[in-house]
Amino acid sequence: MPEQLEFFTIASPCRGVCQSDDRGFCRGCLRSRQERFDWGNMNDGQKRDVLRLCHQRYLRLLRAGKSAAPDSAGPEQPSLF
């Protein structure tokens, strides 16, 4: 099966919250500090891996009954999920 071509780069999941929780993850996009710093140098495969980790963190927060972001009415950004 031929590999599918990527025509679009993966947008940053930043939601403009930029506050760290007690575990060091951004309250807006759920990336770690290192993931946020390295985002611009990552290839699309690495970015997809980070987005997958963010999704897992989001689901973990939902199961724990916590909100993923302090203000759900933040800036309009592409969905992580």
PDB file of N, CA and C in Angstrom:
ATOM      1  N   MET A   1       0.843  -1.163   0.000  1.00  0.00           N
ATOM      2  CA  MET A   1       0.000   0.000   0.000  1.00  0.00           C
ATOM      3  C   MET A   1       0.895   1.236   0.000  1.00  0.00           C
ATOM      4  N   PRO A   2       0.677   2.164  -0.906  1.00  0.00           N
ATOM      5  CA  PRO A   2       1.511   3.366  -0.954  1.00  0.00           C
ATOM      6  C   PRO A   2       1.254   4.259   0.264  1.00  0.00           C
ATOM      7  N   GLU A   3       2.296   4.990   0.645  1.00  0.00           N
ATOM      8  CA  GLU A   3       2.181   5.901   1.783  1.00  0.00           C
ATOM      9  C   GLU A   3       1.373   7.124   1.381  1.00  0.00           C
ATOM     10  N   GLN A   4       0.476   7.553   2.269  1.00  0.00           N
ATOM     11  CA  GLN A   4      -0.339   8.725   1.995  1.00  0.00           C
ATOM     12  C   GLN A   4       0.507   9.982   2.158  1.00  0.00           C
ATOM     13  N   LEU A   5       0.377  10.893   1.214  1.00  0.00           N
ATOM     14  CA  LEU A   5       1.121  12.136   1.270  1.00  0.00           C
ATOM     15  C   LEU A   5       0.486  13.099   2.260  1.00  0.00           C
ATOM     16  N   GLU A   6       1.312  13.833   2.981  1.00  0.00           N
ATOM     17  CA  GLU A   6       0.848  14.858   3.909  1.00  0.00           C
ATOM     18  C   GLU A   6       0.863  16.197   3.175  1.00  0.00           C
ATOM     19  N   PHE A   7      -0.286  16.822   3.036  1.00  0.00           N
ATOM     20  CA  PHE A   7      -0.367  18.101   2.342  1.00  0.00           C
ATOM     21  C   PHE A   7      -0.391  19.288   3.297  1.00  0.00           C
ATOM     22  N   PHE A   8      -0.779  19.039   4.543  1.00  0.00           N
ATOM     23  CA  PHE A   8      -0.909  20.123   5.503  1.00  0.00           C
ATOM     24  C   PHE A   8      -0.066  19.810   6.728  1.00  0.00           C
ATOM     25  N   THR A   9       0.551  20.844   7.281  1.00  0.00           N
ATOM     26  CA  THR A   9       1.283  20.651   8.517  1.00  0.00           C
ATOM     27  C   THR A   9       0.284  20.572   9.666  1.00  0.00           C
ATOM     28  N   ILE A  10       0.714  20.018  10.755  1.00  0.00           N
ATOM     29  CA  ILE A  10      -0.145  19.861  11.921  1.00  0.00           C
ATOM     30  C   ILE A  10      -0.067  21.142  12.750  1.00  0.00           C
ATOM     31  N   ALA A  11      -1.208  21.760  12.971  1.00  0.00           N
ATOM     32  CA  ALA A  11      -1.269  23.022  13.710  1.00  0.00           C
ATOM     33  C   ALA A  11      -0.991  22.794  15.191  1.00  0.00           C
ATOM     34  N   SER A  12      -0.454  23.795  15.827  1.00  0.00           N
ATOM     35  CA  SER A  12      -0.216  23.750  17.264  1.00  0.00           C
ATOM     36  C   SER A  12      -1.555  23.648  17.995  1.00  0.00           C
ATOM     37  N   PRO A  13      -1.620  22.827  19.035  1.00  0.00           N
ATOM     38  CA  PRO A  13      -2.866  22.704  19.795  1.00  0.00           C
ATOM     39  C   PRO A  13      -3.033  23.799  20.842  1.00  0.00           C
ATOM     40  N   CYS A  14      -2.171  24.788  20.857  1.00  0.00           N
ATOM     41  CA  CYS A  14      -2.216  25.860  21.852  1.00  0.00           C
ATOM     42  C   CYS A  14      -3.596  26.517  21.852  1.00  0.00           C
ATOM     43  N   ARG A  15      -4.134  26.743  23.056  1.00  0.00           N
ATOM     44  CA  ARG A  15      -5.439  27.376  23.206  1.00  0.00           C
ATOM     45  C   ARG A  15      -5.328  28.735  23.879  1.00  0.00           C
ATOM     46  N   GLY A  16      -4.091  29.210  24.056  1.00  0.00           N
ATOM     47  CA  GLY A  16      -3.886  30.532  24.615  1.00  0.00           C
ATOM     48  C   GLY A  16      -4.043  30.616  26.128  1.00  0.00           C
ATOM     49  N   VAL A  17      -4.103  29.485  26.812  1.00  0.00           N
ATOM     50  CA  VAL A  17      -4.242  29.487  28.274  1.00  0.00           C
ATOM     51  C   VAL A  17      -2.862  29.605  28.910  1.00  0.00           C
ATOM     52  N   CYS A  18      -1.924  28.768  28.523  1.00  0.00           N
ATOM     53  CA  CYS A  18      -0.511  28.851  28.903  1.00  0.00           C
ATOM     54  C   CYS A  18      -0.280  28.945  30.405  1.00  0.00           C
ATOM     55  N   GLN A  19      -0.940  28.077  31.153  1.00  0.00           N
ATOM     56  CA  GLN A  19      -0.737  27.946  32.589  1.00  0.00           C
ATOM     57  C   GLN A  19      -0.462  26.482  32.870  1.00  0.00           C
ATOM     58  N   SER A  20       0.520  26.207  33.717  1.00  0.00           N
ATOM     59  CA  SER A  20       0.848  24.822  34.041  1.00  0.00           C
ATOM     60  C   SER A  20       0.050  24.343  35.238  1.00  0.00           C
ATOM     61  N   ASP A  21      -0.364  23.070  35.182  1.00  0.00           N
ATOM     62  CA  ASP A  21      -1.026  22.475  36.333  1.00  0.00           C
ATOM     63  C   ASP A  21       0.025  21.969  37.313  1.00  0.00           C
ATOM     64  N   ASP A  22      -0.402  21.303  38.372  1.00  0.00           N
ATOM     65  CA  ASP A  22       0.529  20.829  39.392  1.00  0.00           C
ATOM     66  C   ASP A  22       1.467  19.732  38.899  1.00  0.00           C
ATOM     67  N   ARG A  23       1.158  19.128  37.767  1.00  0.00           N
ATOM     68  CA  ARG A  23       2.026  18.089  37.196  1.00  0.00           C
ATOM     69  C   ARG A  23       2.916  18.623  36.082  1.00  0.00           C
ATOM     70  N   GLY A  24       2.785  19.908  35.750  1.00  0.00           N
ATOM     71  CA  GLY A  24       3.629  20.519  34.736  1.00  0.00           C
ATOM     72  C   GLY A  24       3.040  20.520  33.339  1.00  0.00           C
ATOM     73  N   PHE A  25       1.794  20.084  33.182  1.00  0.00           N
ATOM     74  CA  PHE A  25       1.141  20.089  31.877  1.00  0.00           C
ATOM     75  C   PHE A  25       0.362  21.387  31.706  1.00  0.00           C
ATOM     76  N   CYS A  26       0.353  21.903  30.482  1.00  0.00           N
ATOM     77  CA  CYS A  26      -0.399  23.115  30.185  1.00  0.00           C
ATOM     78  C   CYS A  26      -1.888  22.851  30.408  1.00  0.00           C
ATOM     79  N   ARG A  27      -2.557  23.771  31.080  1.00  0.00           N
ATOM     80  CA  ARG A  27      -3.995  23.608  31.343  1.00  0.00           C
ATOM     81  C   ARG A  27      -4.830  23.772  30.070  1.00  0.00           C
ATOM     82  N   GLY A  28      -4.283  24.411  29.063  1.00  0.00           N
ATOM     83  CA  GLY A  28      -5.023  24.631  27.828  1.00  0.00           C
ATOM     84  C   GLY A  28      -4.881  23.505  26.818  1.00  0.00           C
ATOM     85  N   CYS A  29      -3.639  23.109  26.526  1.00  0.00           N
ATOM     86  CA  CYS A  29      -3.417  22.113  25.465  1.00  0.00           C
ATOM     87  C   CYS A  29      -2.944  20.768  25.995  1.00  0.00           C
ATOM     88  N   LEU A  30      -2.605  20.705  27.288  1.00  0.00           N
ATOM     89  CA  LEU A  30      -2.189  19.468  27.952  1.00  0.00           C
ATOM     90  C   LEU A  30      -0.822  18.952  27.497  1.00  0.00           C
ATOM     91  N   ARG A  31      -0.016  19.828  26.885  1.00  0.00           N
ATOM     92  CA  ARG A  31       1.353  19.436  26.544  1.00  0.00           C
ATOM     93  C   ARG A  31       2.273  19.718  27.729  1.00  0.00           C
ATOM     94  N   SER A  32       3.348  18.940  27.797  1.00  0.00           N
ATOM     95  CA  SER A  32       4.369  19.208  28.809  1.00  0.00           C
ATOM     96  C   SER A  32       5.169  20.434  28.386  1.00  0.00           C
ATOM     97  N   ARG A  33       5.942  20.954  29.305  1.00  0.00           N
ATOM     98  CA  ARG A  33       6.785  22.104  28.998  1.00  0.00           C
ATOM     99  C   ARG A  33       7.724  21.788  27.837  1.00  0.00           C
ATOM    100  N   GLN A  34       8.352  20.619  27.880  1.00  0.00           N
ATOM    101  CA  GLN A  34       9.288  20.230  26.827  1.00  0.00           C
ATOM    102  C   GLN A  34       8.569  20.059  25.484  1.00  0.00           C
ATOM    103  N   GLU A  35       7.369  19.491  25.508  1.00  0.00           N
ATOM    104  CA  GLU A  35       6.596  19.330  24.265  1.00  0.00           C
ATOM    105  C   GLU A  35       6.253  20.691  23.667  1.00  0.00           C
ATOM    106  N   ARG A  36       5.944  21.667  24.512  1.00  0.00           N
ATOM    107  CA  ARG A  36       5.642  23.018  24.007  1.00  0.00           C
ATOM    108  C   ARG A  36       6.882  23.657  23.405  1.00  0.00           C
ATOM    109  N   PHE A  37       8.013  23.540  24.085  1.00  0.00           N
ATOM    110  CA  PHE A  37       9.253  24.139  23.580  1.00  0.00           C
ATOM    111  C   PHE A  37       9.709  23.494  22.279  1.00  0.00           C
ATOM    112  N   ASP A  38       9.549  22.185  22.164  1.00  0.00           N
ATOM    113  CA  ASP A  38      10.066  21.451  21.002  1.00  0.00           C
ATOM    114  C   ASP A  38       9.118  21.432  19.807  1.00  0.00           C
ATOM    115  N   TRP A  39       7.875  21.881  19.968  1.00  0.00           N
ATOM    116  CA  TRP A  39       6.850  21.740  18.925  1.00  0.00           C
ATOM    117  C   TRP A  39       7.327  22.224  17.556  1.00  0.00           C
ATOM    118  N   GLY A  40       7.944  23.370  17.474  1.00  0.00           N
ATOM    119  CA  GLY A  40       8.367  23.940  16.197  1.00  0.00           C
ATOM    120  C   GLY A  40       9.450  23.145  15.486  1.00  0.00           C
ATOM    121  N   ASN A  41      10.174  22.309  16.222  1.00  0.00           N
ATOM    122  CA  ASN A  41      11.243  21.497  15.630  1.00  0.00           C
ATOM    123  C   ASN A  41      10.826  20.057  15.381  1.00  0.00           C
ATOM    124  N   MET A  42       9.599  19.701  15.735  1.00  0.00           N
ATOM    125  CA  MET A  42       9.131  18.317  15.561  1.00  0.00           C
ATOM    126  C   MET A  42       8.651  18.079  14.133  1.00  0.00           C
ATOM    127  N   ASN A  43       8.825  16.836  13.676  1.00  0.00           N
ATOM    128  CA  ASN A  43       8.227  16.464  12.394  1.00  0.00           C
ATOM    129  C   ASN A  43       6.768  16.075  12.654  1.00  0.00           C
ATOM    130  N   ASP A  44       5.995  15.854  11.593  1.00  0.00           N
ATOM    131  CA  ASP A  44       4.571  15.574  11.752  1.00  0.00           C
ATOM    132  C   ASP A  44       4.303  14.302  12.555  1.00  0.00           C
ATOM    133  N   GLY A  45       5.151  13.299  12.423  1.00  0.00           N
ATOM    134  CA  GLY A  45       4.974  12.069  13.200  1.00  0.00           C
ATOM    135  C   GLY A  45       5.135  12.330  14.687  1.00  0.00           C
ATOM    136  N   GLN A  46       6.116  13.125  15.046  1.00  0.00           N
ATOM    137  CA  GLN A  46       6.324  13.472  16.452  1.00  0.00           C
ATOM    138  C   GLN A  46       5.161  14.309  16.981  1.00  0.00           C
ATOM    139  N   LYS A  47       4.658  15.215  16.152  1.00  0.00           N
ATOM    140  CA  LYS A  47       3.518  16.035  16.562  1.00  0.00           C
ATOM    141  C   LYS A  47       2.280  15.173  16.786  1.00  0.00           C
ATOM    142  N   ARG A  48       2.055  14.197  15.917  1.00  0.00           N
ATOM    143  CA  ARG A  48       0.919  13.292  16.100  1.00  0.00           C
ATOM    144  C   ARG A  48       1.062  12.507  17.404  1.00  0.00           C
ATOM    145  N   ASP A  49       2.288  12.092  17.729  1.00  0.00           N
ATOM    146  CA  ASP A  49       2.531  11.389  18.996  1.00  0.00           C
ATOM    147  C   ASP A  49       2.183  12.274  20.184  1.00  0.00           C
ATOM    148  N   VAL A  50       2.575  13.542  20.125  1.00  0.00           N
ATOM    149  CA  VAL A  50       2.267  14.474  21.211  1.00  0.00           C
ATOM    150  C   VAL A  50       0.754  14.668  21.314  1.00  0.00           C
ATOM    151  N   LEU A  51       0.076  14.823  20.184  1.00  0.00           N
ATOM    152  CA  LEU A  51      -1.378  14.988  20.207  1.00  0.00           C
ATOM    153  C   LEU A  51      -2.065  13.755  20.787  1.00  0.00           C
ATOM    154  N   ARG A  52      -1.531  12.565  20.488  1.00  0.00           N
ATOM    155  CA  ARG A  52      -2.082  11.332  21.057  1.00  0.00           C
ATOM    156  C   ARG A  52      -1.916  11.337  22.579  1.00  0.00           C
ATOM    157  N   LEU A  53      -0.738  11.756  23.055  1.00  0.00           N
ATOM    158  CA  LEU A  53      -0.501  11.850  24.497  1.00  0.00           C
ATOM    159  C   LEU A  53      -1.431  12.878  25.142  1.00  0.00           C
ATOM    160  N   CYS A  54      -1.639  14.012  24.469  1.00  0.00           N
ATOM    161  CA  CYS A  54      -2.550  15.035  24.983  1.00  0.00           C
ATOM    162  C   CYS A  54      -3.965  14.487  25.095  1.00  0.00           C
ATOM    163  N   HIS A  55      -4.370  13.714  24.113  1.00  0.00           N
ATOM    164  CA  HIS A  55      -5.707  13.114  24.147  1.00  0.00           C
ATOM    165  C   HIS A  55      -5.828  12.149  25.328  1.00  0.00           C
ATOM    166  N   GLN A  56      -4.801  11.358  25.574  1.00  0.00           N
ATOM    167  CA  GLN A  56      -4.810  10.445  26.719  1.00  0.00           C
ATOM    168  C   GLN A  56      -4.892  11.229  28.026  1.00  0.00           C
ATOM    169  N   ARG A  57      -4.169  12.324  28.116  1.00  0.00           N
ATOM    170  CA  ARG A  57      -4.211  13.168  29.316  1.00  0.00           C
ATOM    171  C   ARG A  57      -5.605  13.757  29.502  1.00  0.00           C
ATOM    172  N   TYR A  58      -6.221  14.177  28.405  1.00  0.00           N
ATOM    173  CA  TYR A  58      -7.573  14.724  28.444  1.00  0.00           C
ATOM    174  C   TYR A  58      -8.562  13.682  28.967  1.00  0.00           C
ATOM    175  N   LEU A  59      -8.483  12.476  28.440  1.00  0.00           N
ATOM    176  CA  LEU A  59      -9.382  11.412  28.894  1.00  0.00           C
ATOM    177  C   LEU A  59      -9.165  11.100  30.367  1.00  0.00           C
ATOM    178  N   ARG A  60      -7.912  11.123  30.804  1.00  0.00           N
ATOM    179  CA  ARG A  60      -7.602  10.887  32.216  1.00  0.00           C
ATOM    180  C   ARG A  60      -8.243  11.972  33.092  1.00  0.00           C
ATOM    181  N   LEU A  61      -8.189  13.229  32.642  1.00  0.00           N
ATOM    182  CA  LEU A  61      -8.822  14.317  33.384  1.00  0.00           C
ATOM    183  C   LEU A  61     -10.335  14.147  33.447  1.00  0.00           C
ATOM    184  N   LEU A  62     -10.933  13.732  32.337  1.00  0.00           N
ATOM    185  CA  LEU A  62     -12.377  13.505  32.320  1.00  0.00           C
ATOM    186  C   LEU A  62     -12.767  12.415  33.311  1.00  0.00           C
ATOM    187  N   ARG A  63     -12.001  11.327  33.321  1.00  0.00           N
ATOM    188  CA  ARG A  63     -12.301  10.233  34.253  1.00  0.00           C
ATOM    189  C   ARG A  63     -12.153  10.677  35.698  1.00  0.00           C
ATOM    190  N   ALA A  64     -11.220  11.594  35.955  1.00  0.00           N
ATOM    191  CA  ALA A  64     -10.993  12.095  37.308  1.00  0.00           C
ATOM    192  C   ALA A  64     -11.996  13.192  37.678  1.00  0.00           C
ATOM    193  N   GLY A  65     -12.810  13.616  36.702  1.00  0.00           N
ATOM    194  CA  GLY A  65     -13.809  14.637  36.954  1.00  0.00           C
ATOM    195  C   GLY A  65     -13.251  16.040  37.009  1.00  0.00           C
ATOM    196  N   LYS A  66     -12.093  16.247  36.384  1.00  0.00           N
ATOM    197  CA  LYS A  66     -11.467  17.563  36.370  1.00  0.00           C
ATOM    198  C   LYS A  66     -11.652  18.214  35.009  1.00  0.00           C
ATOM    199  N   SER A  67     -11.625  19.530  34.986  1.00  0.00           N
ATOM    200  CA  SER A  67     -11.729  20.280  33.741  1.00  0.00           C
ATOM    201  C   SER A  67     -10.361  20.341  33.072  1.00  0.00           C
ATOM    202  N   ALA A  68     -10.337  20.254  31.753  1.00  0.00           N
ATOM    203  CA  ALA A  68      -9.076  20.318  31.008  1.00  0.00           C
ATOM    204  C   ALA A  68      -8.534  21.736  30.933  1.00  0.00           C
ATOM    205  N   ALA A  69      -9.395  22.720  30.979  1.00  0.00           N
ATOM    206  CA  ALA A  69      -8.956  24.113  30.908  1.00  0.00           C
ATOM    207  C   ALA A  69      -9.796  24.947  31.867  1.00  0.00           C
ATOM    208  N   PRO A  70      -9.202  25.947  32.507  1.00  0.00           N
ATOM    209  CA  PRO A  70      -9.952  26.754  33.457  1.00  0.00           C
ATOM    210  C   PRO A  70     -11.062  27.573  32.811  1.00  0.00           C
ATOM    211  N   ASP A  71     -10.915  27.923  31.549  1.00  0.00           N
ATOM    212  CA  ASP A  71     -11.919  28.728  30.858  1.00  0.00           C
ATOM    213  C   ASP A  71     -12.221  28.087  29.518  1.00  0.00           C
ATOM    214  N   SER A  72     -13.378  27.452  29.418  1.00  0.00           N
ATOM    215  CA  SER A  72     -13.707  26.746  28.176  1.00  0.00           C
ATOM    216  C   SER A  72     -14.030  27.697  27.029  1.00  0.00           C
ATOM    217  N   ALA A  73     -14.200  28.982  27.314  1.00  0.00           N
ATOM    218  CA  ALA A  73     -14.524  29.946  26.273  1.00  0.00           C
ATOM    219  C   ALA A  73     -13.272  30.647  25.770  1.00  0.00           C
ATOM    220  N   GLY A  74     -12.164  29.930  25.716  1.00  0.00           N
ATOM    221  CA  GLY A  74     -10.899  30.496  25.280  1.00  0.00           C
ATOM    222  C   GLY A  74     -10.868  30.760  23.793  1.00  0.00           C
ATOM    223  N   PRO A  75      -9.709  31.147  23.271  1.00  0.00           N
ATOM    224  CA  PRO A  75      -9.574  31.446  21.842  1.00  0.00           C
ATOM    225  C   PRO A  75      -9.948  30.242  20.972  1.00  0.00           C
ATOM    226  N   GLU A  76     -10.499  30.514  19.818  1.00  0.00           N
ATOM    227  CA  GLU A  76     -10.870  29.453  18.880  1.00  0.00           C
ATOM    228  C   GLU A  76      -9.624  28.795  18.306  1.00  0.00           C
ATOM    229  N   GLN A  77      -9.477  27.493  18.507  1.00  0.00           N
ATOM    230  CA  GLN A  77      -8.322  26.758  18.036  1.00  0.00           C
ATOM    231  C   GLN A  77      -8.788  25.420  17.460  1.00  0.00           C
ATOM    232  N   PRO A  78      -7.948  24.763  16.667  1.00  0.00           N
ATOM    233  CA  PRO A  78      -8.299  23.437  16.152  1.00  0.00           C
ATOM    234  C   PRO A  78      -8.505  22.472  17.303  1.00  0.00           C
ATOM    235  N   SER A  79      -9.396  21.546  17.129  1.00  0.00           N
ATOM    236  CA  SER A  79      -9.691  20.565  18.175  1.00  0.00           C
ATOM    237  C   SER A  79      -8.532  19.575  18.329  1.00  0.00           C
ATOM    238  N   LEU A  80      -8.267  19.177  19.563  1.00  0.00           N
ATOM    239  CA  LEU A  80      -7.274  18.148  19.833  1.00  0.00           C
ATOM    240  C   LEU A  80      -7.852  16.764  19.580  1.00  0.00           C
ATOM    241  N   PHE A  81      -9.180  16.673  19.545  1.00  0.00           N
ATOM    242  CA  PHE A  81      -9.787  15.346  19.577  1.00  0.00           C
ATOM    243  C   PHE A  81     -10.741  15.103  18.472  1.00  0.00           C
TER     244      PHE A  81
END
